[in-house]
Amino acid sequence: MPNTKSAAKSLKQSEIRRVRNKAIKTRTKTEIKRVLDSVNSGDIAAAEANYKVAAKKLDQAGSQGVIHKNTAARHKSRMQRSIKAAKGAAKS
């Protein structure tokens, strides 16, 4: 229980941020899973389409400070590598 007005306001602000950050993180994780599921099922076209959405969501989360920018870049890089490997496996 906050003792001062400023502490009460801070509590409200942190709760709003927590809910917003959670929604953003959940959405990015969902988009990443869609890309990886598409890759695992062998649907390269869907994986590439889903990658564009996921990359945008990761960049937004990184720029808003929800996740670190390098974390967003690492996730994007790993998704790209998995798509590229699946393309190579499909050609063989």
N, C-alpha and C. Protein backbone atom coordinates (compact mmCIF):
# COMPACT_ATOMS: atom_id res chain seq x y z
N MET A 1 0.84 -1.18 0.00
CA MET A 1 0.00 0.00 0.00
C MET A 1 0.88 1.24 0.00
N PRO A 2 0.73 2.12 -0.97
CA PRO A 2 1.57 3.31 -1.03
C PRO A 2 1.22 4.29 0.09
N ASN A 3 2.25 4.98 0.57
CA ASN A 3 2.06 5.92 1.67
C ASN A 3 1.88 7.36 1.19
N THR A 4 2.33 7.67 0.00
CA THR A 4 2.24 9.04 -0.51
C THR A 4 1.53 9.06 -1.85
N LYS A 5 1.13 10.28 -2.25
CA LYS A 5 0.47 10.41 -3.55
C LYS A 5 1.40 10.00 -4.68
N SER A 6 2.65 10.40 -4.57
CA SER A 6 3.60 10.06 -5.64
C SER A 6 3.82 8.56 -5.72
N ALA A 7 3.83 7.89 -4.58
CA ALA A 7 3.99 6.43 -4.58
C ALA A 7 2.77 5.75 -5.19
N ALA A 8 1.59 6.31 -4.93
CA ALA A 8 0.37 5.76 -5.51
C ALA A 8 0.38 5.92 -7.02
N LYS A 9 0.80 7.09 -7.49
CA LYS A 9 0.88 7.33 -8.93
C LYS A 9 1.90 6.39 -9.57
N SER A 10 3.03 6.25 -8.91
CA SER A 10 4.08 5.37 -9.42
C SER A 10 3.58 3.93 -9.53
N LEU A 11 2.81 3.51 -8.55
CA LEU A 11 2.24 2.16 -8.57
C LEU A 11 1.30 1.97 -9.75
N LYS A 12 0.46 2.98 -10.00
CA LYS A 12 -0.47 2.90 -11.14
C LYS A 12 0.29 2.87 -12.46
N GLN A 13 1.31 3.72 -12.57
CA GLN A 13 2.09 3.79 -13.82
C GLN A 13 2.81 2.47 -14.08
N SER A 14 3.41 1.91 -13.04
CA SER A 14 4.14 0.65 -13.24
C SER A 14 3.21 -0.49 -13.61
N GLU A 15 2.01 -0.49 -13.07
CA GLU A 15 1.03 -1.51 -13.43
C GLU A 15 0.60 -1.39 -14.89
N ILE A 16 0.38 -0.15 -15.33
CA ILE A 16 0.02 0.09 -16.74
C ILE A 16 1.14 -0.37 -17.65
N ARG A 17 2.37 -0.03 -17.29
CA ARG A 17 3.53 -0.45 -18.10
C ARG A 17 3.66 -1.97 -18.13
N ARG A 18 3.46 -2.60 -16.96
CA ARG A 18 3.60 -4.05 -16.88
C ARG A 18 2.61 -4.75 -17.80
N VAL A 19 1.37 -4.29 -17.79
CA VAL A 19 0.34 -4.89 -18.64
C VAL A 19 0.67 -4.67 -20.11
N ARG A 20 1.09 -3.46 -20.46
CA ARG A 20 1.43 -3.16 -21.85
C ARG A 20 2.62 -3.99 -22.31
N ASN A 21 3.67 -4.05 -21.48
CA ASN A 21 4.86 -4.82 -21.85
C ASN A 21 4.54 -6.29 -22.00
N LYS A 22 3.69 -6.80 -21.13
CA LYS A 22 3.32 -8.22 -21.21
C LYS A 22 2.60 -8.50 -22.52
N ALA A 23 1.69 -7.61 -22.91
CA ALA A 23 0.96 -7.80 -24.17
C ALA A 23 1.92 -7.79 -25.36
N ILE A 24 2.86 -6.88 -25.33
CA ILE A 24 3.82 -6.77 -26.44
C ILE A 24 4.70 -8.01 -26.50
N LYS A 25 5.20 -8.45 -25.35
CA LYS A 25 6.05 -9.65 -25.32
C LYS A 25 5.30 -10.88 -25.78
N THR A 26 4.06 -11.01 -25.34
CA THR A 26 3.24 -12.16 -25.74
C THR A 26 3.04 -12.17 -27.24
N ARG A 27 2.75 -11.01 -27.81
CA ARG A 27 2.52 -10.91 -29.25
C ARG A 27 3.79 -11.27 -30.04
N THR A 28 4.94 -10.80 -29.58
CA THR A 28 6.18 -11.12 -30.29
C THR A 28 6.48 -12.62 -30.21
N LYS A 29 6.26 -13.21 -29.05
CA LYS A 29 6.50 -14.65 -28.91
C LYS A 29 5.57 -15.46 -29.81
N THR A 30 4.32 -15.02 -29.92
CA THR A 30 3.36 -15.70 -30.79
C THR A 30 3.82 -15.63 -32.24
N GLU A 31 4.27 -14.46 -32.67
CA GLU A 31 4.72 -14.30 -34.06
C GLU A 31 5.96 -15.16 -34.34
N ILE A 32 6.87 -15.24 -33.37
CA ILE A 32 8.07 -16.07 -33.54
C ILE A 32 7.65 -17.53 -33.69
N LYS A 33 6.69 -17.98 -32.85
CA LYS A 33 6.23 -19.36 -32.92
C LYS A 33 5.59 -19.66 -34.27
N ARG A 34 4.86 -18.69 -34.82
CA ARG A 34 4.23 -18.89 -36.14
C ARG A 34 5.29 -19.11 -37.21
N VAL A 35 6.37 -18.34 -37.15
CA VAL A 35 7.45 -18.50 -38.13
C VAL A 35 8.06 -19.89 -37.99
N LEU A 36 8.40 -20.27 -36.76
CA LEU A 36 9.06 -21.55 -36.56
C LEU A 36 8.14 -22.73 -36.89
N ASP A 37 6.85 -22.60 -36.60
CA ASP A 37 5.91 -23.65 -36.98
C ASP A 37 5.81 -23.79 -38.49
N SER A 38 5.83 -22.66 -39.20
CA SER A 38 5.79 -22.70 -40.66
C SER A 38 7.03 -23.37 -41.22
N VAL A 39 8.18 -23.05 -40.63
CA VAL A 39 9.44 -23.65 -41.08
C VAL A 39 9.40 -25.16 -40.83
N ASN A 40 8.96 -25.56 -39.65
CA ASN A 40 8.93 -26.99 -39.30
C ASN A 40 7.95 -27.77 -40.16
N SER A 41 6.88 -27.11 -40.59
CA SER A 41 5.92 -27.80 -41.45
C SER A 41 6.37 -27.80 -42.91
N GLY A 42 7.41 -27.03 -43.22
CA GLY A 42 7.94 -27.01 -44.57
C GLY A 42 7.31 -25.97 -45.48
N ASP A 43 6.47 -25.13 -44.96
CA ASP A 43 5.81 -24.10 -45.75
C ASP A 43 6.67 -22.83 -45.74
N ILE A 44 7.59 -22.75 -46.68
CA ILE A 44 8.57 -21.67 -46.73
C ILE A 44 7.90 -20.33 -47.03
N ALA A 45 6.92 -20.34 -47.92
CA ALA A 45 6.25 -19.09 -48.28
C ALA A 45 5.54 -18.49 -47.07
N ALA A 46 4.87 -19.33 -46.32
CA ALA A 46 4.19 -18.85 -45.11
C ALA A 46 5.20 -18.39 -44.07
N ALA A 47 6.32 -19.09 -43.98
CA ALA A 47 7.36 -18.72 -43.02
C ALA A 47 7.91 -17.33 -43.33
N GLU A 48 8.13 -17.07 -44.63
CA GLU A 48 8.66 -15.76 -45.01
C GLU A 48 7.63 -14.66 -44.76
N ALA A 49 6.37 -14.95 -45.02
CA ALA A 49 5.31 -13.96 -44.76
C ALA A 49 5.19 -13.70 -43.26
N ASN A 50 5.24 -14.77 -42.47
CA ASN A 50 5.16 -14.62 -41.02
C ASN A 50 6.40 -13.92 -40.47
N TYR A 51 7.55 -14.14 -41.11
CA TYR A 51 8.78 -13.50 -40.66
C TYR A 51 8.67 -11.98 -40.75
N LYS A 52 8.05 -11.48 -41.82
CA LYS A 52 7.92 -10.02 -41.96
C LYS A 52 7.12 -9.44 -40.81
N VAL A 53 6.05 -10.10 -40.42
CA VAL A 53 5.23 -9.63 -39.29
C VAL A 53 6.02 -9.72 -38.00
N ALA A 54 6.71 -10.85 -37.80
CA ALA A 54 7.46 -11.05 -36.57
C ALA A 54 8.60 -10.05 -36.44
N ALA A 55 9.29 -9.79 -37.55
CA ALA A 55 10.40 -8.84 -37.52
C ALA A 55 9.90 -7.45 -37.16
N LYS A 56 8.76 -7.08 -37.70
CA LYS A 56 8.19 -5.76 -37.38
C LYS A 56 7.85 -5.67 -35.90
N LYS A 57 7.22 -6.72 -35.36
CA LYS A 57 6.85 -6.71 -33.95
C LYS A 57 8.10 -6.68 -33.06
N LEU A 58 9.14 -7.42 -33.44
CA LEU A 58 10.37 -7.42 -32.66
C LEU A 58 11.04 -6.04 -32.69
N ASP A 59 11.06 -5.42 -33.86
CA ASP A 59 11.65 -4.09 -33.97
C ASP A 59 10.89 -3.08 -33.13
N GLN A 60 9.56 -3.18 -33.15
CA GLN A 60 8.75 -2.27 -32.34
C GLN A 60 9.02 -2.47 -30.86
N ALA A 61 9.08 -3.73 -30.43
CA ALA A 61 9.34 -4.02 -29.02
C ALA A 61 10.72 -3.51 -28.62
N GLY A 62 11.69 -3.66 -29.52
CA GLY A 62 13.04 -3.17 -29.24
C GLY A 62 13.11 -1.66 -29.16
N SER A 63 12.41 -0.99 -30.04
CA SER A 63 12.46 0.47 -30.05
C SER A 63 11.70 1.06 -28.86
N GLN A 64 10.69 0.34 -28.36
CA GLN A 64 9.92 0.82 -27.21
C GLN A 64 10.61 0.48 -25.89
N GLY A 65 11.66 -0.31 -25.95
CA GLY A 65 12.37 -0.66 -24.73
C GLY A 65 11.78 -1.83 -23.97
N VAL A 66 10.82 -2.52 -24.59
CA VAL A 66 10.22 -3.69 -23.93
C VAL A 66 11.25 -4.81 -23.87
N ILE A 67 11.96 -5.01 -24.98
CA ILE A 67 13.10 -5.93 -25.01
C ILE A 67 14.29 -5.14 -25.53
N HIS A 68 15.49 -5.65 -25.30
CA HIS A 68 16.69 -4.97 -25.78
C HIS A 68 16.77 -5.08 -27.30
N LYS A 69 17.33 -4.09 -27.94
CA LYS A 69 17.42 -4.10 -29.40
C LYS A 69 18.26 -5.27 -29.90
N ASN A 70 19.30 -5.63 -29.15
CA ASN A 70 20.13 -6.76 -29.57
C ASN A 70 19.37 -8.08 -29.44
N THR A 71 18.47 -8.16 -28.48
CA THR A 71 17.64 -9.35 -28.34
C THR A 71 16.73 -9.50 -29.54
N ALA A 72 16.15 -8.39 -29.98
CA ALA A 72 15.30 -8.41 -31.17
C ALA A 72 16.11 -8.85 -32.38
N ALA A 73 17.31 -8.31 -32.52
CA ALA A 73 18.17 -8.66 -33.66
C ALA A 73 18.55 -10.13 -33.62
N ARG A 74 18.81 -10.65 -32.42
CA ARG A 74 19.19 -12.06 -32.29
C ARG A 74 18.04 -12.98 -32.70
N HIS A 75 16.83 -12.65 -32.26
CA HIS A 75 15.67 -13.45 -32.65
C HIS A 75 15.46 -13.41 -34.17
N LYS A 76 15.58 -12.24 -34.76
CA LYS A 76 15.40 -12.11 -36.20
C LYS A 76 16.44 -12.92 -36.95
N SER A 77 17.68 -12.85 -36.48
CA SER A 77 18.76 -13.59 -37.13
C SER A 77 18.52 -15.09 -37.07
N ARG A 78 18.09 -15.57 -35.94
CA ARG A 78 17.85 -17.01 -35.79
C ARG A 78 16.69 -17.48 -36.66
N MET A 79 15.66 -16.65 -36.76
CA MET A 79 14.54 -17.01 -37.63
C MET A 79 14.99 -17.06 -39.09
N GLN A 80 15.79 -16.07 -39.49
CA GLN A 80 16.29 -16.04 -40.87
C GLN A 80 17.12 -17.28 -41.17
N ARG A 81 17.98 -17.66 -40.21
CA ARG A 81 18.80 -18.85 -40.42
C ARG A 81 17.96 -20.10 -40.57
N SER A 82 16.89 -20.22 -39.77
CA SER A 82 16.04 -21.40 -39.87
C SER A 82 15.29 -21.43 -41.19
N ILE A 83 14.85 -20.26 -41.67
CA ILE A 83 14.17 -20.19 -42.97
C ILE A 83 15.14 -20.57 -44.09
N LYS A 84 16.35 -20.04 -44.00
CA LYS A 84 17.36 -20.33 -45.03
C LYS A 84 17.71 -21.81 -45.04
N ALA A 85 17.82 -22.42 -43.87
CA ALA A 85 18.14 -23.86 -43.78
C ALA A 85 16.99 -24.69 -44.35
N ALA A 86 15.78 -24.26 -44.09
CA ALA A 86 14.63 -25.00 -44.62
C ALA A 86 14.56 -24.87 -46.15
N LYS A 87 14.94 -23.70 -46.67
CA LYS A 87 14.98 -23.54 -48.13
C LYS A 87 16.01 -24.49 -48.74
N GLY A 88 17.16 -24.56 -48.09
CA GLY A 88 18.21 -25.45 -48.58
C GLY A 88 17.80 -26.90 -48.53
N ALA A 89 17.10 -27.28 -47.48
CA ALA A 89 16.64 -28.67 -47.34
C ALA A 89 15.56 -28.98 -48.36
N ALA A 90 14.74 -27.98 -48.69
CA ALA A 90 13.67 -28.20 -49.67
C ALA A 90 14.22 -28.37 -51.08
N LYS A 91 15.33 -27.69 -51.38
CA LYS A 91 15.93 -27.80 -52.71
C LYS A 91 16.63 -29.14 -52.91
N SER A 92 17.15 -29.69 -51.81
CA SER A 92 17.90 -30.95 -51.90
C SER A 92 17.01 -32.14 -52.15
